[in-house]
Amino acid sequence: MAAPAVVVYSRTDCHLCEHALDALRRIASEVAFELEVRDVDAEPALVERYGQAVPVVTVDGREVSGGRFDAAAVRGAIRASAASAVDSSGARS
């Protein structure tokens, strides 16, 4: 079973990004997920896509939070993704 993939699109010296990462560390104590942090300033396409609208958090490729971190939305998306990996027999796929 693969854990949900969480990506945080961030940039250096972004206090909202730091807040999002701190909150994700707390969520990680509740439910397992794989975390990747991507610096939008390192990729021109990401700068164009997100501009100043960081942090942006995706769960399994679906954007669930942008700007101010929405812990409830992110937690719910991670849990829903983890639950969808469980088949009807209760075994993880």
PDB file of N, CA and C in Angstrom:
ATOM      1  N   MET A   1       0.851  -1.180   0.000  1.00  0.00           N
ATOM      2  CA  MET A   1       0.000   0.000   0.000  1.00  0.00           C
ATOM      3  C   MET A   1       0.890   1.234   0.000  1.00  0.00           C
ATOM      4  N   ALA A   2       0.643   2.108  -0.918  1.00  0.00           N
ATOM      5  CA  ALA A   2       1.388   3.359  -0.979  1.00  0.00           C
ATOM      6  C   ALA A   2       0.676   4.404  -0.123  1.00  0.00           C
ATOM      7  N   ALA A   3       1.457   5.114   0.660  1.00  0.00           N
ATOM      8  CA  ALA A   3       0.895   6.190   1.483  1.00  0.00           C
ATOM      9  C   ALA A   3       0.506   7.342   0.571  1.00  0.00           C
ATOM     10  N   PRO A   4      -0.465   8.150   0.987  1.00  0.00           N
ATOM     11  CA  PRO A   4      -0.827   9.329   0.192  1.00  0.00           C
ATOM     12  C   PRO A   4       0.397  10.214  -0.054  1.00  0.00           C
ATOM     13  N   ALA A   5       0.464  10.797  -1.240  1.00  0.00           N
ATOM     14  CA  ALA A   5       1.565  11.695  -1.604  1.00  0.00           C
ATOM     15  C   ALA A   5       1.118  13.134  -1.379  1.00  0.00           C
ATOM     16  N   VAL A   6       1.804  13.806  -0.470  1.00  0.00           N
ATOM     17  CA  VAL A   6       1.502  15.199  -0.161  1.00  0.00           C
ATOM     18  C   VAL A   6       2.661  16.053  -0.681  1.00  0.00           C
ATOM     19  N   VAL A   7       2.326  17.057  -1.488  1.00  0.00           N
ATOM     20  CA  VAL A   7       3.334  17.973  -2.012  1.00  0.00           C
ATOM     21  C   VAL A   7       2.993  19.369  -1.524  1.00  0.00           C
ATOM     22  N   VAL A   8       4.005  20.054  -0.995  1.00  0.00           N
ATOM     23  CA  VAL A   8       3.860  21.448  -0.583  1.00  0.00           C
ATOM     24  C   VAL A   8       4.684  22.290  -1.546  1.00  0.00           C
ATOM     25  N   TYR A   9       4.012  23.161  -2.264  1.00  0.00           N
ATOM     26  CA  TYR A   9       4.687  24.121  -3.132  1.00  0.00           C
ATOM     27  C   TYR A   9       4.974  25.332  -2.272  1.00  0.00           C
ATOM     28  N   SER A  10       6.255  25.642  -2.122  1.00  0.00           N
ATOM     29  CA  SER A  10       6.712  26.594  -1.122  1.00  0.00           C
ATOM     30  C   SER A  10       7.780  27.507  -1.715  1.00  0.00           C
ATOM     31  N   ARG A  11       8.255  28.423  -0.890  1.00  0.00           N
ATOM     32  CA  ARG A  11       9.418  29.227  -1.261  1.00  0.00           C
ATOM     33  C   ARG A  11      10.157  29.602   0.010  1.00  0.00           C
ATOM     34  N   THR A  12      11.392  30.000  -0.157  1.00  0.00           N
ATOM     35  CA  THR A  12      12.246  30.406   0.958  1.00  0.00           C
ATOM     36  C   THR A  12      11.678  31.655   1.625  1.00  0.00           C
ATOM     37  N   ASP A  13      11.828  31.723   2.937  1.00  0.00           N
ATOM     38  CA  ASP A  13      11.408  32.888   3.728  1.00  0.00           C
ATOM     39  C   ASP A  13       9.910  33.162   3.640  1.00  0.00           C
ATOM     40  N   CYS A  14       9.117  32.126   3.585  1.00  0.00           N
ATOM     41  CA  CYS A  14       7.659  32.247   3.526  1.00  0.00           C
ATOM     42  C   CYS A  14       7.102  31.750   4.860  1.00  0.00           C
ATOM     43  N   HIS A  15       6.630  32.682   5.687  1.00  0.00           N
ATOM     44  CA  HIS A  15       6.133  32.272   7.007  1.00  0.00           C
ATOM     45  C   HIS A  15       4.885  31.393   6.900  1.00  0.00           C
ATOM     46  N   LEU A  16       4.035  31.613   5.903  1.00  0.00           N
ATOM     47  CA  LEU A  16       2.865  30.752   5.717  1.00  0.00           C
ATOM     48  C   LEU A  16       3.293  29.336   5.323  1.00  0.00           C
ATOM     49  N   CYS A  17       4.361  29.244   4.562  1.00  0.00           N
ATOM     50  CA  CYS A  17       4.880  27.931   4.166  1.00  0.00           C
ATOM     51  C   CYS A  17       5.418  27.190   5.380  1.00  0.00           C
ATOM     52  N   GLU A  18       6.141  27.880   6.246  1.00  0.00           N
ATOM     53  CA  GLU A  18       6.660  27.267   7.467  1.00  0.00           C
ATOM     54  C   GLU A  18       5.515  26.797   8.356  1.00  0.00           C
ATOM     55  N   HIS A  19       4.474  27.601   8.457  1.00  0.00           N
ATOM     56  CA  HIS A  19       3.296  27.211   9.240  1.00  0.00           C
ATOM     57  C   HIS A  19       2.682  25.937   8.666  1.00  0.00           C
ATOM     58  N   ALA A  20       2.556  25.859   7.352  1.00  0.00           N
ATOM     59  CA  ALA A  20       1.981  24.677   6.708  1.00  0.00           C
ATOM     60  C   ALA A  20       2.834  23.441   6.994  1.00  0.00           C
ATOM     61  N   LEU A  21       4.145  23.576   6.907  1.00  0.00           N
ATOM     62  CA  LEU A  21       5.024  22.433   7.164  1.00  0.00           C
ATOM     63  C   LEU A  21       4.957  21.992   8.621  1.00  0.00           C
ATOM     64  N   ASP A  22       4.876  22.949   9.537  1.00  0.00           N
ATOM     65  CA  ASP A  22       4.727  22.604  10.957  1.00  0.00           C
ATOM     66  C   ASP A  22       3.420  21.842  11.182  1.00  0.00           C
ATOM     67  N   ALA A  23       2.348  22.317  10.576  1.00  0.00           N
ATOM     68  CA  ALA A  23       1.052  21.650  10.726  1.00  0.00           C
ATOM     69  C   ALA A  23       1.088  20.253  10.118  1.00  0.00           C
ATOM     70  N   LEU A  24       1.756  20.094   8.988  1.00  0.00           N
ATOM     71  CA  LEU A  24       1.861  18.774   8.367  1.00  0.00           C
ATOM     72  C   LEU A  24       2.649  17.810   9.250  1.00  0.00           C
ATOM     73  N   ARG A  25       3.643  18.316   9.971  1.00  0.00           N
ATOM     74  CA  ARG A  25       4.391  17.451  10.892  1.00  0.00           C
ATOM     75  C   ARG A  25       3.466  16.935  11.995  1.00  0.00           C
ATOM     76  N   ARG A  26       2.566  17.788  12.458  1.00  0.00           N
ATOM     77  CA  ARG A  26       1.602  17.350  13.481  1.00  0.00           C
ATOM     78  C   ARG A  26       0.626  16.323  12.891  1.00  0.00           C
ATOM     79  N   ILE A  27       0.155  16.568  11.676  1.00  0.00           N
ATOM     80  CA  ILE A  27      -0.766  15.629  11.028  1.00  0.00           C
ATOM     81  C   ILE A  27      -0.088  14.280  10.809  1.00  0.00           C
ATOM     82  N   ALA A  28       1.213  14.293  10.543  1.00  0.00           N
ATOM     83  CA  ALA A  28       1.954  13.048  10.314  1.00  0.00           C
ATOM     84  C   ALA A  28       1.944  12.145  11.540  1.00  0.00           C
ATOM     85  N   SER A  29       1.719  12.710  12.716  1.00  0.00           N
ATOM     86  CA  SER A  29       1.633  11.876  13.918  1.00  0.00           C
ATOM     87  C   SER A  29       0.285  11.153  13.995  1.00  0.00           C
ATOM     88  N   GLU A  30      -0.678  11.574  13.167  1.00  0.00           N
ATOM     89  CA  GLU A  30      -2.011  10.977  13.156  1.00  0.00           C
ATOM     90  C   GLU A  30      -2.211   9.986  12.012  1.00  0.00           C
ATOM     91  N   VAL A  31      -1.630  10.277  10.866  1.00  0.00           N
ATOM     92  CA  VAL A  31      -1.834   9.461   9.664  1.00  0.00           C
ATOM     93  C   VAL A  31      -0.568   9.531   8.808  1.00  0.00           C
ATOM     94  N   ALA A  32      -0.203   8.400   8.205  1.00  0.00           N
ATOM     95  CA  ALA A  32       1.023   8.322   7.411  1.00  0.00           C
ATOM     96  C   ALA A  32       0.818   8.909   6.021  1.00  0.00           C
ATOM     97  N   PHE A  33       1.828   9.615   5.547  1.00  0.00           N
ATOM     98  CA  PHE A  33       1.840  10.117   4.177  1.00  0.00           C
ATOM     99  C   PHE A  33       3.274  10.400   3.770  1.00  0.00           C
ATOM    100  N   GLU A  34       3.496  10.470   2.472  1.00  0.00           N
ATOM    101  CA  GLU A  34       4.802  10.826   1.924  1.00  0.00           C
ATOM    102  C   GLU A  34       4.795  12.329   1.647  1.00  0.00           C
ATOM    103  N   LEU A  35       5.793  13.043   2.132  1.00  0.00           N
ATOM    104  CA  LEU A  35       5.841  14.499   1.971  1.00  0.00           C
ATOM    105  C   LEU A  35       6.969  14.899   1.038  1.00  0.00           C
ATOM    106  N   GLU A  36       6.642  15.772   0.110  1.00  0.00           N
ATOM    107  CA  GLU A  36       7.632  16.379  -0.787  1.00  0.00           C
ATOM    108  C   GLU A  36       7.423  17.884  -0.728  1.00  0.00           C
ATOM    109  N   VAL A  37       8.517  18.621  -0.587  1.00  0.00           N
ATOM    110  CA  VAL A  37       8.459  20.086  -0.597  1.00  0.00           C
ATOM    111  C   VAL A  37       9.136  20.546  -1.879  1.00  0.00           C
ATOM    112  N   ARG A  38       8.413  21.341  -2.676  1.00  0.00           N
ATOM    113  CA  ARG A  38       8.956  21.847  -3.940  1.00  0.00           C
ATOM    114  C   ARG A  38       9.054  23.356  -3.873  1.00  0.00           C
ATOM    115  N   ASP A  39      10.225  23.858  -4.185  1.00  0.00           N
ATOM    116  CA  ASP A  39      10.494  25.298  -4.195  1.00  0.00           C
ATOM    117  C   ASP A  39      10.001  25.865  -5.519  1.00  0.00           C
ATOM    118  N   VAL A  40       8.936  26.660  -5.474  1.00  0.00           N
ATOM    119  CA  VAL A  40       8.376  27.190  -6.717  1.00  0.00           C
ATOM    120  C   VAL A  40       9.367  28.078  -7.455  1.00  0.00           C
ATOM    121  N   ASP A  41      10.262  28.742  -6.719  1.00  0.00           N
ATOM    122  CA  ASP A  41      11.214  29.638  -7.363  1.00  0.00           C
ATOM    123  C   ASP A  41      12.297  28.897  -8.137  1.00  0.00           C
ATOM    124  N   ALA A  42      12.408  27.595  -7.939  1.00  0.00           N
ATOM    125  CA  ALA A  42      13.410  26.795  -8.639  1.00  0.00           C
ATOM    126  C   ALA A  42      12.940  26.346 -10.014  1.00  0.00           C
ATOM    127  N   GLU A  43      11.643  26.506 -10.293  1.00  0.00           N
ATOM    128  CA  GLU A  43      11.090  26.040 -11.564  1.00  0.00           C
ATOM    129  C   GLU A  43      10.200  27.128 -12.162  1.00  0.00           C
ATOM    130  N   PRO A  44      10.592  27.707 -13.300  1.00  0.00           N
ATOM    131  CA  PRO A  44       9.801  28.778 -13.905  1.00  0.00           C
ATOM    132  C   PRO A  44       8.330  28.430 -14.114  1.00  0.00           C
ATOM    133  N   ALA A  45       8.037  27.184 -14.464  1.00  0.00           N
ATOM    134  CA  ALA A  45       6.639  26.795 -14.672  1.00  0.00           C
ATOM    135  C   ALA A  45       5.848  26.894 -13.368  1.00  0.00           C
ATOM    136  N   LEU A  46       6.492  26.587 -12.246  1.00  0.00           N
ATOM    137  CA  LEU A  46       5.808  26.688 -10.960  1.00  0.00           C
ATOM    138  C   LEU A  46       5.616  28.140 -10.546  1.00  0.00           C
ATOM    139  N   VAL A  47       6.592  28.987 -10.852  1.00  0.00           N
ATOM    140  CA  VAL A  47       6.440  30.427 -10.579  1.00  0.00           C
ATOM    141  C   VAL A  47       5.247  30.956 -11.351  1.00  0.00           C
ATOM    142  N   GLU A  48       5.148  30.566 -12.619  1.00  0.00           N
ATOM    143  CA  GLU A  48       4.033  31.015 -13.449  1.00  0.00           C
ATOM    144  C   GLU A  48       2.704  30.492 -12.921  1.00  0.00           C
ATOM    145  N   ARG A  49       2.700  29.247 -12.489  1.00  0.00           N
ATOM    146  CA  ARG A  49       1.442  28.636 -12.034  1.00  0.00           C
ATOM    147  C   ARG A  49       0.984  29.186 -10.681  1.00  0.00           C
ATOM    148  N   TYR A  50       1.911  29.297  -9.719  1.00  0.00           N
ATOM    149  CA  TYR A  50       1.519  29.652  -8.363  1.00  0.00           C
ATOM    150  C   TYR A  50       1.823  31.094  -7.966  1.00  0.00           C
ATOM    151  N   GLY A  51       2.758  31.748  -8.654  1.00  0.00           N
ATOM    152  CA  GLY A  51       3.084  33.132  -8.320  1.00  0.00           C
ATOM    153  C   GLY A  51       3.352  33.292  -6.843  1.00  0.00           C
ATOM    154  N   GLN A  52       2.621  34.199  -6.202  1.00  0.00           N
ATOM    155  CA  GLN A  52       2.777  34.445  -4.766  1.00  0.00           C
ATOM    156  C   GLN A  52       1.789  33.633  -3.927  1.00  0.00           C
ATOM    157  N   ALA A  53       0.991  32.791  -4.569  1.00  0.00           N
ATOM    158  CA  ALA A  53      -0.072  32.043  -3.875  1.00  0.00           C
ATOM    159  C   ALA A  53       0.466  30.771  -3.227  1.00  0.00           C
ATOM    160  N   VAL A  54       1.473  30.918  -2.369  1.00  0.00           N
ATOM    161  CA  VAL A  54       2.019  29.765  -1.663  1.00  0.00           C
ATOM    162  C   VAL A  54       1.776  29.945  -0.175  1.00  0.00           C
ATOM    163  N   PRO A  55       1.711  28.895   0.564  1.00  0.00           N
ATOM    164  CA  PRO A  55       1.906  27.519   0.144  1.00  0.00           C
ATOM    165  C   PRO A  55       0.672  26.945  -0.539  1.00  0.00           C
ATOM    166  N   VAL A  56       0.924  26.033  -1.436  1.00  0.00           N
ATOM    167  CA  VAL A  56      -0.150  25.247  -2.043  1.00  0.00           C
ATOM    168  C   VAL A  56       0.146  23.799  -1.670  1.00  0.00           C
ATOM    169  N   VAL A  57      -0.880  23.101  -1.196  1.00  0.00           N
ATOM    170  CA  VAL A  57      -0.718  21.709  -0.778  1.00  0.00           C
ATOM    171  C   VAL A  57      -1.595  20.834  -1.661  1.00  0.00           C
ATOM    172  N   THR A  58      -0.977  19.791  -2.211  1.00  0.00           N
ATOM    173  CA  THR A  58      -1.729  18.808  -2.980  1.00  0.00           C
ATOM    174  C   THR A  58      -1.648  17.455  -2.278  1.00  0.00           C
ATOM    175  N   VAL A  59      -2.699  16.677  -2.418  1.00  0.00           N
ATOM    176  CA  VAL A  59      -2.726  15.306  -1.917  1.00  0.00           C
ATOM    177  C   VAL A  59      -3.050  14.429  -3.117  1.00  0.00           C
ATOM    178  N   ASP A  60      -2.117  13.560  -3.434  1.00  0.00           N
ATOM    179  CA  ASP A  60      -2.249  12.684  -4.608  1.00  0.00           C
ATOM    180  C   ASP A  60      -2.608  13.483  -5.856  1.00  0.00           C
ATOM    181  N   GLY A  61      -1.958  14.635  -6.013  1.00  0.00           N
ATOM    182  CA  GLY A  61      -2.114  15.452  -7.208  1.00  0.00           C
ATOM    183  C   GLY A  61      -3.295  16.401  -7.205  1.00  0.00           C
ATOM    184  N   ARG A  62      -4.118  16.359  -6.165  1.00  0.00           N
ATOM    185  CA  ARG A  62      -5.299  17.229  -6.099  1.00  0.00           C
ATOM    186  C   ARG A  62      -5.030  18.368  -5.120  1.00  0.00           C
ATOM    187  N   GLU A  63      -5.193  19.600  -5.585  1.00  0.00           N
ATOM    188  CA  GLU A  63      -4.966  20.766  -4.730  1.00  0.00           C
ATOM    189  C   GLU A  63      -6.044  20.833  -3.654  1.00  0.00           C
ATOM    190  N   VAL A  64      -5.602  20.883  -2.390  1.00  0.00           N
ATOM    191  CA  VAL A  64      -6.558  20.905  -1.285  1.00  0.00           C
ATOM    192  C   VAL A  64      -6.405  22.126  -0.381  1.00  0.00           C
ATOM    193  N   SER A  65      -5.315  22.869  -0.526  1.00  0.00           N
ATOM    194  CA  SER A  65      -5.125  24.059   0.294  1.00  0.00           C
ATOM    195  C   SER A  65      -4.201  25.010  -0.437  1.00  0.00           C
ATOM    196  N   GLY A  66      -4.528  26.294  -0.383  1.00  0.00           N
ATOM    197  CA  GLY A  66      -3.677  27.315  -0.995  1.00  0.00           C
ATOM    198  C   GLY A  66      -3.692  28.578  -0.156  1.00  0.00           C
ATOM    199  N   GLY A  67      -2.544  29.234  -0.048  1.00  0.00           N
ATOM    200  CA  GLY A  67      -2.459  30.423   0.796  1.00  0.00           C
ATOM    201  C   GLY A  67      -2.418  30.005   2.247  1.00  0.00           C
ATOM    202  N   ARG A  68      -3.362  30.462   3.017  1.00  0.00           N
ATOM    203  CA  ARG A  68      -3.418  30.041   4.430  1.00  0.00           C
ATOM    204  C   ARG A  68      -3.756  28.562   4.507  1.00  0.00           C
ATOM    205  N   PHE A  69      -2.968  27.838   5.285  1.00  0.00           N
ATOM    206  CA  PHE A  69      -3.087  26.385   5.389  1.00  0.00           C
ATOM    207  C   PHE A  69      -4.420  25.995   6.005  1.00  0.00           C
ATOM    208  N   ASP A  70      -5.139  25.100   5.335  1.00  0.00           N
ATOM    209  CA  ASP A  70      -6.419  24.590   5.826  1.00  0.00           C
ATOM    210  C   ASP A  70      -6.189  23.176   6.353  1.00  0.00           C
ATOM    211  N   ALA A  71      -5.889  23.084   7.658  1.00  0.00           N
ATOM    212  CA  ALA A  71      -5.532  21.801   8.262  1.00  0.00           C
ATOM    213  C   ALA A  71      -6.654  20.783   8.125  1.00  0.00           C
ATOM    214  N   ALA A  72      -7.888  21.200   8.327  1.00  0.00           N
ATOM    215  CA  ALA A  72      -9.017  20.263   8.240  1.00  0.00           C
ATOM    216  C   ALA A  72      -9.141  19.687   6.833  1.00  0.00           C
ATOM    217  N   ALA A  73      -8.999  20.522   5.814  1.00  0.00           N
ATOM    218  CA  ALA A  73      -9.104  20.051   4.430  1.00  0.00           C
ATOM    219  C   ALA A  73      -7.969  19.102   4.088  1.00  0.00           C
ATOM    220  N   VAL A  74      -6.765  19.445   4.506  1.00  0.00           N
ATOM    221  CA  VAL A  74      -5.608  18.599   4.205  1.00  0.00           C
ATOM    222  C   VAL A  74      -5.713  17.276   4.951  1.00  0.00           C
ATOM    223  N   ARG A  75      -6.016  17.321   6.233  1.00  0.00           N
ATOM    224  CA  ARG A  75      -6.172  16.105   7.031  1.00  0.00           C
ATOM    225  C   ARG A  75      -7.251  15.204   6.417  1.00  0.00           C
ATOM    226  N   GLY A  76      -8.371  15.797   6.052  1.00  0.00           N
ATOM    227  CA  GLY A  76      -9.456  15.023   5.451  1.00  0.00           C
ATOM    228  C   GLY A  76      -9.054  14.393   4.137  1.00  0.00           C
ATOM    229  N   ALA A  77      -8.331  15.136   3.303  1.00  0.00           N
ATOM    230  CA  ALA A  77      -7.897  14.601   2.012  1.00  0.00           C
ATOM    231  C   ALA A  77      -6.901  13.461   2.186  1.00  0.00           C
ATOM    232  N   ILE A  78      -6.000  13.599   3.154  1.00  0.00           N
ATOM    233  CA  ILE A  78      -5.023  12.535   3.413  1.00  0.00           C
ATOM    234  C   ILE A  78      -5.749  11.281   3.907  1.00  0.00           C
ATOM    235  N   ARG A  79      -6.656  11.450   4.844  1.00  0.00           N
ATOM    236  CA  ARG A  79      -7.401  10.300   5.372  1.00  0.00           C
ATOM    237  C   ARG A  79      -8.254   9.645   4.282  1.00  0.00           C
ATOM    238  N   ALA A  80      -8.901  10.459   3.446  1.00  0.00           N
ATOM    239  CA  ALA A  80      -9.730   9.904   2.364  1.00  0.00           C
ATOM    240  C   ALA A  80      -8.870   9.128   1.381  1.00  0.00           C
ATOM    241  N   SER A  81      -7.694   9.653   1.073  1.00  0.00           N
ATOM    242  CA  SER A  81      -6.801   8.968   0.145  1.00  0.00           C
ATOM    243  C   SER A  81      -6.320   7.653   0.741  1.00  0.00           C
ATOM    244  N   ALA A  82      -5.972   7.669   2.021  1.00  0.00           N
ATOM    245  CA  ALA A  82      -5.528   6.438   2.683  1.00  0.00           C
ATOM    246  C   ALA A  82      -6.653   5.416   2.721  1.00  0.00           C
ATOM    247  N   ALA A  83      -7.873   5.877   2.991  1.00  0.00           N
ATOM    248  CA  ALA A  83      -9.015   4.964   3.058  1.00  0.00           C
ATOM    249  C   ALA A  83      -9.350   4.380   1.691  1.00  0.00           C
ATOM    250  N   SER A  84      -9.128   5.140   0.627  1.00  0.00           N
ATOM    251  CA  SER A  84      -9.438   4.622  -0.704  1.00  0.00           C
ATOM    252  C   SER A  84      -8.485   3.526  -1.122  1.00  0.00           C
ATOM    253  N   ALA A  85      -7.368   3.415  -0.419  1.00  0.00           N
ATOM    254  CA  ALA A  85      -6.409   2.354  -0.712  1.00  0.00           C
ATOM    255  C   ALA A  85      -6.820   1.041  -0.058  1.00  0.00           C
ATOM    256  N   VAL A  86      -7.863   1.065   0.731  1.00  0.00           N
ATOM    257  CA  VAL A  86      -8.338  -0.131   1.408  1.00  0.00           C
ATOM    258  C   VAL A  86      -9.486  -0.724   0.576  1.00  0.00           C
ATOM    259  N   ASP A  87      -9.345  -1.986   0.196  1.00  0.00           N
ATOM    260  CA  ASP A  87     -10.432  -2.596  -0.591  1.00  0.00           C
ATOM    261  C   ASP A  87     -11.538  -3.114   0.333  1.00  0.00           C
ATOM    262  N   SER A  88     -12.562  -3.676  -0.212  1.00  0.00           N
ATOM    263  CA  SER A  88     -13.737  -4.089   0.552  1.00  0.00           C
ATOM    264  C   SER A  88     -13.430  -5.176   1.577  1.00  0.00           C
ATOM    265  N   SER A  89     -12.336  -5.898   1.403  1.00  0.00           N
ATOM    266  CA  SER A  89     -11.980  -6.938   2.374  1.00  0.00           C
ATOM    267  C   SER A  89     -11.218  -6.369   3.565  1.00  0.00           C
ATOM    268  N   GLY A  90     -10.881  -5.095   3.462  1.00  0.00           N
ATOM    269  CA  GLY A  90     -10.127  -4.465   4.534  1.00  0.00           C
ATOM    270  C   GLY A  90      -8.639  -4.518   4.333  1.00  0.00           C
ATOM    271  N   ALA A  91      -8.208  -5.193   3.275  1.00  0.00           N
ATOM    272  CA  ALA A  91      -6.787  -5.264   2.976  1.00  0.00           C
ATOM    273  C   ALA A  91      -6.370  -4.057   2.169  1.00  0.00           C
ATOM    274  N   ARG A  92      -5.173  -3.619   2.406  1.00  0.00           N
ATOM    275  CA  ARG A  92      -4.668  -2.480   1.638  1.00  0.00           C
ATOM    276  C   ARG A  92      -4.233  -2.962   0.262  1.00  0.00           C
ATOM    277  N   SER A  93      -4.506  -2.099  -0.738  1.00  0.00           N
ATOM    278  CA  SER A  93      -4.117  -2.482  -2.099  1.00  0.00           C
ATOM    279  C   SER A  93      -2.721  -2.043  -2.412  1.00  0.00           C
TER     280      SER A  93
END
